[in-house]
């Protein structure tokens, strides 16, 4: 079990991009997401770059969940392009879905741009790991993660068996 961060949670960031995987473009989204997670107290164990290949994405997600990494974030592959298959890979490996997270991200994006509704991001649980898709643009990835970072912490507390009193938390807000 890899729970050693200040907030008790480990994380992994997977960038899904054919061009980054081929070395044609430098990954900017993965490092931006990693920085946000570290500022929030997560221990980011690794950042990985994969091509837009569903079997490779599925394998990486399953392997990460099997390592008991608390939070697995992907960036990229959530649009309408034919090779954008990150949500399909996520849905294929998750045992339970968490639709509220992508719904909240899309709502936050819609407050910034009407194109926010075009995100096909998905989220779900595999074992004790939460998997969440973020957009590929560094700006959009940061905005989407910001929209759900606080609820993710509470969700991980519940998922991983820690103290998580939803009623007490609601009374604080």
Foldseek 3Di string as FASTA:
>chain_A
DDQDWPLRAEEEEEEEAQCVVVVNDPQDQQVLVVVVCVVVTHHYPYYYYHYLDLVVLLVVVVVCVVVVHAEYEYEALFADDPSSCNQVSQVVQAPAWDAVLLVQLLVQVCVVPVCSVRGNWTWHHHQLYIYTYFYRDNVRRVSSCVSCVVVSSLVSCVSVVHDRDPVVVVVVD
